[in-house]
Amino acid sequence: IKTVFAGSSCNDIVCTEQCVMSGHFDKKIRFWDIRTESIVKELELLGRITALDLNSERTELLTCSRDDLLKIIDLRLSAVKQTFSAQGFKCGSDWTRVVFSPDGNYVAAGSADGALYIWNVLTGKLERTLAKHH
């Protein structure tokens, strides 16, 4: 077991065989090389990173941040490929989660209003909002 200083509070982590990706309070995604135990790249977004998820091929990274945006980052290009937003969607805490669907065709995130927002990756449009029920 090894502890490394991440530079900022870490809100989420995902891993591949060679890389650990961490999302931070300081709005940065850090890419760590497992072999060298060092940061090899940083990407800064506009809001604090709350959650990360990898698609099944491990070629795209889904992020949620406190600027109320979800982004898909192409890991081969280290560039934002797609951005999702919706009227009413609010990333209300540093614990707001996001997820790719198993087939990668949808992304979903919980909102501060208690609803689950689901976007279609192919069209980029909000597909459905599942309201909270009591």
N, C-alpha and C. Protein backbone atom coordinates (compact mmCIF):
# COMPACT_ATOMS: atom_id res chain seq x y z
N ILE A 1 0.85 -1.18 0.00
CA ILE A 1 0.00 0.00 0.00
C ILE A 1 0.89 1.23 0.00
N LYS A 2 0.49 2.19 -0.83
CA LYS A 2 1.26 3.43 -0.94
C LYS A 2 0.29 4.60 -0.89
N THR A 3 0.67 5.63 -0.18
CA THR A 3 -0.11 6.86 -0.11
C THR A 3 0.63 7.94 -0.87
N VAL A 4 -0.10 8.65 -1.75
CA VAL A 4 0.51 9.75 -2.49
C VAL A 4 -0.31 11.01 -2.25
N PHE A 5 0.36 12.16 -2.23
CA PHE A 5 -0.33 13.43 -2.08
C PHE A 5 -0.94 13.81 -3.42
N ALA A 6 -2.25 14.00 -3.43
CA ALA A 6 -2.96 14.26 -4.69
C ALA A 6 -3.03 15.73 -5.05
N GLY A 7 -2.68 16.62 -4.15
CA GLY A 7 -2.69 18.04 -4.45
C GLY A 7 -3.99 18.74 -4.12
N SER A 8 -5.08 17.99 -3.96
CA SER A 8 -6.40 18.55 -3.68
C SER A 8 -7.30 17.41 -3.21
N SER A 9 -8.37 17.75 -2.52
CA SER A 9 -9.32 16.72 -2.08
C SER A 9 -9.83 15.95 -3.29
N CYS A 10 -9.77 14.64 -3.18
CA CYS A 10 -10.17 13.75 -4.28
C CYS A 10 -11.60 13.28 -4.05
N ASN A 11 -12.49 13.50 -5.03
CA ASN A 11 -13.89 13.11 -4.90
C ASN A 11 -14.22 11.78 -5.56
N ASP A 12 -13.42 11.33 -6.53
CA ASP A 12 -13.70 10.05 -7.18
C ASP A 12 -12.45 9.54 -7.89
N ILE A 13 -12.42 8.21 -8.09
CA ILE A 13 -11.29 7.56 -8.75
C ILE A 13 -11.82 6.46 -9.67
N VAL A 14 -11.23 6.32 -10.85
CA VAL A 14 -11.46 5.17 -11.73
C VAL A 14 -10.09 4.69 -12.21
N CYS A 15 -10.03 3.42 -12.60
CA CYS A 15 -8.74 2.82 -12.96
C CYS A 15 -8.82 2.01 -14.24
N THR A 16 -7.70 2.01 -14.96
CA THR A 16 -7.47 1.05 -16.03
C THR A 16 -6.27 0.21 -15.59
N GLU A 17 -5.77 -0.63 -16.47
CA GLU A 17 -4.63 -1.47 -16.11
C GLU A 17 -3.37 -0.65 -15.86
N GLN A 18 -3.20 0.47 -16.56
CA GLN A 18 -1.98 1.26 -16.43
C GLN A 18 -2.16 2.62 -15.79
N CYS A 19 -3.41 3.06 -15.62
CA CYS A 19 -3.64 4.45 -15.21
C CYS A 19 -4.73 4.55 -14.15
N VAL A 20 -4.51 5.45 -13.20
CA VAL A 20 -5.54 5.84 -12.25
C VAL A 20 -5.94 7.26 -12.60
N MET A 21 -7.25 7.51 -12.71
CA MET A 21 -7.76 8.85 -12.98
C MET A 21 -8.51 9.32 -11.75
N SER A 22 -8.18 10.51 -11.27
CA SER A 22 -8.81 11.02 -10.06
C SER A 22 -9.42 12.39 -10.33
N GLY A 23 -10.63 12.61 -9.79
CA GLY A 23 -11.35 13.88 -9.95
C GLY A 23 -11.29 14.66 -8.65
N HIS A 24 -10.99 15.96 -8.74
CA HIS A 24 -10.65 16.73 -7.54
C HIS A 24 -11.47 18.00 -7.33
N PHE A 25 -11.43 18.44 -6.08
CA PHE A 25 -12.06 19.67 -5.63
C PHE A 25 -11.51 20.88 -6.39
N ASP A 26 -10.24 20.83 -6.78
CA ASP A 26 -9.61 21.97 -7.47
C ASP A 26 -9.93 22.02 -8.97
N LYS A 27 -10.96 21.27 -9.40
CA LYS A 27 -11.47 21.26 -10.78
C LYS A 27 -10.59 20.48 -11.75
N LYS A 28 -9.65 19.71 -11.24
CA LYS A 28 -8.73 18.99 -12.11
C LYS A 28 -8.98 17.50 -12.09
N ILE A 29 -8.74 16.89 -13.25
CA ILE A 29 -8.67 15.44 -13.37
C ILE A 29 -7.19 15.12 -13.50
N ARG A 30 -6.72 14.26 -12.62
CA ARG A 30 -5.31 13.88 -12.66
C ARG A 30 -5.19 12.45 -13.19
N PHE A 31 -4.22 12.25 -14.06
CA PHE A 31 -3.94 10.95 -14.65
C PHE A 31 -2.61 10.46 -14.07
N TRP A 32 -2.67 9.33 -13.37
CA TRP A 32 -1.51 8.78 -12.67
C TRP A 32 -1.03 7.52 -13.38
N ASP A 33 0.27 7.44 -13.62
CA ASP A 33 0.88 6.22 -14.15
C ASP A 33 1.10 5.27 -12.97
N ILE A 34 0.52 4.09 -13.04
CA ILE A 34 0.61 3.14 -11.93
C ILE A 34 2.05 2.69 -11.71
N ARG A 35 2.80 2.50 -12.79
CA ARG A 35 4.18 2.01 -12.65
C ARG A 35 5.10 3.03 -12.00
N THR A 36 5.00 4.29 -12.43
CA THR A 36 5.90 5.32 -11.89
C THR A 36 5.33 6.03 -10.68
N GLU A 37 4.04 5.79 -10.39
CA GLU A 37 3.35 6.41 -9.26
C GLU A 37 3.41 7.94 -9.32
N SER A 38 3.32 8.47 -10.53
CA SER A 38 3.39 9.92 -10.69
C SER A 38 2.29 10.41 -11.63
N ILE A 39 2.00 11.70 -11.52
CA ILE A 39 1.01 12.34 -12.40
C ILE A 39 1.64 12.52 -13.78
N VAL A 40 0.95 12.03 -14.80
CA VAL A 40 1.46 12.18 -16.17
C VAL A 40 0.69 13.24 -16.96
N LYS A 41 -0.50 13.61 -16.45
CA LYS A 41 -1.32 14.59 -17.16
C LYS A 41 -2.35 15.16 -16.20
N GLU A 42 -2.74 16.41 -16.45
CA GLU A 42 -3.86 17.02 -15.72
C GLU A 42 -4.76 17.72 -16.72
N LEU A 43 -6.05 17.63 -16.50
CA LEU A 43 -7.04 18.35 -17.29
C LEU A 43 -7.86 19.19 -16.33
N GLU A 44 -8.05 20.45 -16.62
CA GLU A 44 -8.84 21.31 -15.74
C GLU A 44 -10.19 21.60 -16.39
N LEU A 45 -11.26 21.38 -15.62
CA LEU A 45 -12.61 21.69 -16.07
C LEU A 45 -13.06 22.99 -15.40
N LEU A 46 -14.31 23.38 -15.62
CA LEU A 46 -14.79 24.66 -15.11
C LEU A 46 -15.38 24.57 -13.70
N GLY A 47 -15.66 23.37 -13.23
CA GLY A 47 -16.24 23.20 -11.90
C GLY A 47 -15.54 22.08 -11.16
N ARG A 48 -15.75 22.04 -9.84
CA ARG A 48 -15.18 20.96 -9.03
C ARG A 48 -15.69 19.62 -9.54
N ILE A 49 -14.81 18.66 -9.70
CA ILE A 49 -15.17 17.34 -10.20
C ILE A 49 -15.83 16.55 -9.07
N THR A 50 -17.02 16.01 -9.34
CA THR A 50 -17.71 15.22 -8.31
C THR A 50 -17.68 13.74 -8.59
N ALA A 51 -17.62 13.34 -9.86
CA ALA A 51 -17.70 11.91 -10.18
C ALA A 51 -17.07 11.61 -11.53
N LEU A 52 -16.61 10.37 -11.65
CA LEU A 52 -16.00 9.86 -12.88
C LEU A 52 -16.57 8.48 -13.18
N ASP A 53 -16.64 8.13 -14.46
CA ASP A 53 -16.97 6.77 -14.87
C ASP A 53 -16.31 6.51 -16.22
N LEU A 54 -15.92 5.26 -16.45
CA LEU A 54 -15.33 4.85 -17.72
C LEU A 54 -16.35 4.08 -18.53
N ASN A 55 -16.31 4.26 -19.86
CA ASN A 55 -17.16 3.41 -20.71
C ASN A 55 -16.58 1.99 -20.71
N SER A 56 -17.33 1.05 -21.25
CA SER A 56 -16.91 -0.36 -21.18
C SER A 56 -15.62 -0.63 -21.95
N GLU A 57 -15.34 0.17 -22.98
CA GLU A 57 -14.09 -0.01 -23.74
C GLU A 57 -12.91 0.68 -23.07
N ARG A 58 -13.19 1.48 -22.04
CA ARG A 58 -12.17 2.24 -21.31
C ARG A 58 -11.45 3.25 -22.21
N THR A 59 -12.19 3.79 -23.18
CA THR A 59 -11.63 4.80 -24.08
C THR A 59 -12.20 6.19 -23.82
N GLU A 60 -13.28 6.25 -23.02
CA GLU A 60 -13.93 7.52 -22.72
C GLU A 60 -14.17 7.64 -21.22
N LEU A 61 -13.96 8.84 -20.72
CA LEU A 61 -14.15 9.15 -19.32
C LEU A 61 -15.33 10.12 -19.19
N LEU A 62 -16.32 9.75 -18.39
CA LEU A 62 -17.47 10.60 -18.12
C LEU A 62 -17.21 11.35 -16.83
N THR A 63 -17.48 12.65 -16.84
CA THR A 63 -17.27 13.47 -15.64
C THR A 63 -18.55 14.22 -15.29
N CYS A 64 -18.69 14.52 -14.01
CA CYS A 64 -19.72 15.44 -13.53
C CYS A 64 -19.00 16.48 -12.70
N SER A 65 -19.40 17.73 -12.84
CA SER A 65 -18.74 18.80 -12.09
C SER A 65 -19.76 19.82 -11.60
N ARG A 66 -19.31 20.64 -10.64
CA ARG A 66 -20.21 21.57 -9.96
C ARG A 66 -20.65 22.74 -10.83
N ASP A 67 -20.23 22.79 -12.09
CA ASP A 67 -20.75 23.77 -13.04
C ASP A 67 -22.01 23.24 -13.73
N ASP A 68 -22.54 22.10 -13.21
CA ASP A 68 -23.78 21.48 -13.69
C ASP A 68 -23.65 20.92 -15.11
N LEU A 69 -22.45 20.45 -15.44
CA LEU A 69 -22.21 19.85 -16.75
C LEU A 69 -21.65 18.44 -16.60
N LEU A 70 -22.06 17.56 -17.51
CA LEU A 70 -21.43 16.27 -17.68
C LEU A 70 -20.61 16.37 -18.95
N LYS A 71 -19.43 15.76 -18.93
CA LYS A 71 -18.57 15.78 -20.11
C LYS A 71 -18.04 14.39 -20.37
N ILE A 72 -17.92 14.05 -21.66
CA ILE A 72 -17.23 12.83 -22.06
C ILE A 72 -15.88 13.27 -22.62
N ILE A 73 -14.82 12.71 -22.04
CA ILE A 73 -13.46 13.00 -22.48
C ILE A 73 -12.94 11.79 -23.25
N ASP A 74 -12.46 12.04 -24.46
CA ASP A 74 -11.83 10.99 -25.26
C ASP A 74 -10.42 10.79 -24.70
N LEU A 75 -10.16 9.64 -24.11
CA LEU A 75 -8.88 9.41 -23.46
C LEU A 75 -7.73 9.27 -24.45
N ARG A 76 -8.01 8.93 -25.69
CA ARG A 76 -6.95 8.82 -26.70
C ARG A 76 -6.45 10.20 -27.11
N LEU A 77 -7.35 11.20 -27.09
CA LEU A 77 -7.00 12.56 -27.50
C LEU A 77 -6.83 13.51 -26.32
N SER A 78 -7.23 13.07 -25.13
CA SER A 78 -7.23 13.92 -23.93
C SER A 78 -8.02 15.20 -24.18
N ALA A 79 -9.18 15.04 -24.81
CA ALA A 79 -9.99 16.20 -25.16
C ALA A 79 -11.46 15.92 -24.87
N VAL A 80 -12.18 16.99 -24.52
CA VAL A 80 -13.62 16.87 -24.30
C VAL A 80 -14.28 16.59 -25.64
N LYS A 81 -15.02 15.51 -25.69
CA LYS A 81 -15.70 15.06 -26.91
C LYS A 81 -17.14 15.53 -26.95
N GLN A 82 -17.78 15.59 -25.76
CA GLN A 82 -19.20 15.90 -25.70
C GLN A 82 -19.53 16.49 -24.33
N THR A 83 -20.50 17.42 -24.32
CA THR A 83 -20.95 18.05 -23.08
C THR A 83 -22.46 17.91 -22.98
N PHE A 84 -22.94 17.61 -21.78
CA PHE A 84 -24.37 17.44 -21.53
C PHE A 84 -24.82 18.41 -20.45
N SER A 85 -25.99 19.02 -20.68
CA SER A 85 -26.62 19.87 -19.67
C SER A 85 -28.12 19.81 -19.90
N ALA A 86 -28.86 20.28 -18.93
CA ALA A 86 -30.32 20.30 -19.08
C ALA A 86 -30.89 21.33 -18.12
N GLN A 87 -31.96 21.97 -18.56
CA GLN A 87 -32.65 22.89 -17.67
C GLN A 87 -33.16 22.10 -16.47
N GLY A 88 -32.87 22.58 -15.29
CA GLY A 88 -33.29 21.91 -14.06
C GLY A 88 -32.24 21.01 -13.46
N PHE A 89 -31.25 20.56 -14.27
CA PHE A 89 -30.21 19.70 -13.72
C PHE A 89 -29.23 20.52 -12.91
N LYS A 90 -29.01 20.10 -11.68
CA LYS A 90 -28.08 20.81 -10.80
C LYS A 90 -27.24 19.78 -10.06
N CYS A 91 -25.96 19.90 -10.22
CA CYS A 91 -25.02 19.06 -9.47
C CYS A 91 -24.91 19.68 -8.07
N GLY A 92 -25.72 19.18 -7.15
CA GLY A 92 -25.92 19.85 -5.88
C GLY A 92 -24.92 19.55 -4.78
N SER A 93 -24.03 18.59 -4.99
CA SER A 93 -23.06 18.28 -3.94
C SER A 93 -21.81 17.68 -4.55
N ASP A 94 -20.77 17.59 -3.76
CA ASP A 94 -19.53 16.98 -4.22
C ASP A 94 -19.64 15.46 -4.31
N TRP A 95 -20.82 14.92 -3.99
CA TRP A 95 -21.05 13.47 -4.04
C TRP A 95 -22.03 13.09 -5.14
N THR A 96 -22.36 14.01 -6.03
CA THR A 96 -23.24 13.70 -7.15
C THR A 96 -22.55 12.71 -8.07
N ARG A 97 -23.22 11.62 -8.40
CA ARG A 97 -22.64 10.53 -9.18
C ARG A 97 -23.08 10.59 -10.64
N VAL A 98 -22.28 9.99 -11.52
CA VAL A 98 -22.61 9.82 -12.94
C VAL A 98 -22.27 8.40 -13.35
N VAL A 99 -22.91 7.95 -14.44
CA VAL A 99 -22.63 6.60 -14.91
C VAL A 99 -22.95 6.49 -16.40
N PHE A 100 -22.13 5.71 -17.11
CA PHE A 100 -22.45 5.27 -18.46
C PHE A 100 -23.40 4.09 -18.35
N SER A 101 -24.33 3.95 -19.30
CA SER A 101 -25.11 2.71 -19.39
C SER A 101 -24.16 1.60 -19.85
N PRO A 102 -24.51 0.34 -19.60
CA PRO A 102 -23.61 -0.76 -20.01
C PRO A 102 -23.25 -0.75 -21.49
N ASP A 103 -24.18 -0.32 -22.36
CA ASP A 103 -23.88 -0.28 -23.79
C ASP A 103 -23.24 1.04 -24.23
N GLY A 104 -23.09 1.99 -23.31
CA GLY A 104 -22.46 3.27 -23.62
C GLY A 104 -23.33 4.24 -24.38
N ASN A 105 -24.59 3.90 -24.61
CA ASN A 105 -25.48 4.78 -25.38
C ASN A 105 -26.14 5.87 -24.55
N TYR A 106 -26.06 5.75 -23.23
CA TYR A 106 -26.70 6.73 -22.34
C TYR A 106 -25.75 7.08 -21.21
N VAL A 107 -25.93 8.29 -20.67
CA VAL A 107 -25.27 8.69 -19.44
C VAL A 107 -26.36 9.18 -18.49
N ALA A 108 -26.13 9.00 -17.20
CA ALA A 108 -27.13 9.40 -16.22
C ALA A 108 -26.45 10.04 -15.02
N ALA A 109 -27.19 10.96 -14.38
CA ALA A 109 -26.69 11.62 -13.18
C ALA A 109 -27.87 12.01 -12.30
N GLY A 110 -27.64 11.96 -11.00
CA GLY A 110 -28.63 12.45 -10.06
C GLY A 110 -28.52 13.96 -9.95
N SER A 111 -29.64 14.60 -9.64
CA SER A 111 -29.69 16.06 -9.55
C SER A 111 -30.10 16.49 -8.15
N ALA A 112 -29.81 17.74 -7.83
CA ALA A 112 -30.16 18.29 -6.52
C ALA A 112 -31.66 18.28 -6.27
N ASP A 113 -32.47 18.25 -7.32
CA ASP A 113 -33.93 18.23 -7.15
C ASP A 113 -34.46 16.82 -6.88
N GLY A 114 -33.57 15.84 -6.76
CA GLY A 114 -33.97 14.47 -6.47
C GLY A 114 -34.28 13.63 -7.69
N ALA A 115 -34.20 14.22 -8.87
CA ALA A 115 -34.51 13.49 -10.10
C ALA A 115 -33.25 12.86 -10.69
N LEU A 116 -33.47 11.86 -11.52
CA LEU A 116 -32.40 11.23 -12.29
C LEU A 116 -32.53 11.70 -13.73
N TYR A 117 -31.47 12.29 -14.26
CA TYR A 117 -31.45 12.80 -15.63
C TYR A 117 -30.69 11.82 -16.50
N ILE A 118 -31.26 11.47 -17.66
CA ILE A 118 -30.66 10.50 -18.57
C ILE A 118 -30.54 11.14 -19.96
N TRP A 119 -29.30 11.17 -20.47
CA TRP A 119 -29.04 11.73 -21.80
C TRP A 119 -28.68 10.63 -22.78
N ASN A 120 -29.06 10.84 -24.04
CA ASN A 120 -28.69 9.96 -25.14
C ASN A 120 -27.33 10.41 -25.67
N VAL A 121 -26.34 9.54 -25.64
CA VAL A 121 -25.00 9.91 -26.08
C VAL A 121 -24.96 10.16 -27.59
N LEU A 122 -25.72 9.41 -28.36
CA LEU A 122 -25.69 9.56 -29.82
C LEU A 122 -26.25 10.90 -30.27
N THR A 123 -27.33 11.37 -29.62
CA THR A 123 -27.95 12.64 -30.01
C THR A 123 -27.48 13.81 -29.15
N GLY A 124 -26.98 13.52 -27.96
CA GLY A 124 -26.58 14.57 -27.03
C GLY A 124 -27.75 15.20 -26.30
N LYS A 125 -28.95 14.70 -26.54
CA LYS A 125 -30.15 15.31 -25.96
C LYS A 125 -30.59 14.58 -24.70
N LEU A 126 -31.26 15.34 -23.84
CA LEU A 126 -31.87 14.75 -22.65
C LEU A 126 -32.95 13.79 -23.10
N GLU A 127 -32.83 12.55 -22.70
CA GLU A 127 -33.78 11.51 -23.12
C GLU A 127 -34.96 11.43 -22.16
N ARG A 128 -34.66 11.52 -20.87
CA ARG A 128 -35.71 11.33 -19.88
C ARG A 128 -35.26 11.90 -18.54
N THR A 129 -36.24 12.37 -17.77
CA THR A 129 -36.02 12.77 -16.39
C THR A 129 -36.94 11.93 -15.52
N LEU A 130 -36.35 11.19 -14.61
CA LEU A 130 -37.14 10.38 -13.68
C LEU A 130 -37.26 11.15 -12.38
N ALA A 131 -38.46 11.65 -12.12
CA ALA A 131 -38.69 12.47 -10.94
C ALA A 131 -38.68 11.62 -9.68
N LYS A 132 -38.34 12.27 -8.57
CA LYS A 132 -38.36 11.54 -7.30
C LYS A 132 -39.80 11.23 -6.93
N HIS A 133 -39.98 10.11 -6.24
CA HIS A 133 -41.31 9.70 -5.78
C HIS A 133 -41.28 9.55 -4.28
N HIS A 134 -42.39 9.85 -3.65
CA HIS A 134 -42.46 9.74 -2.18
C HIS A 134 -43.19 8.48 -1.79
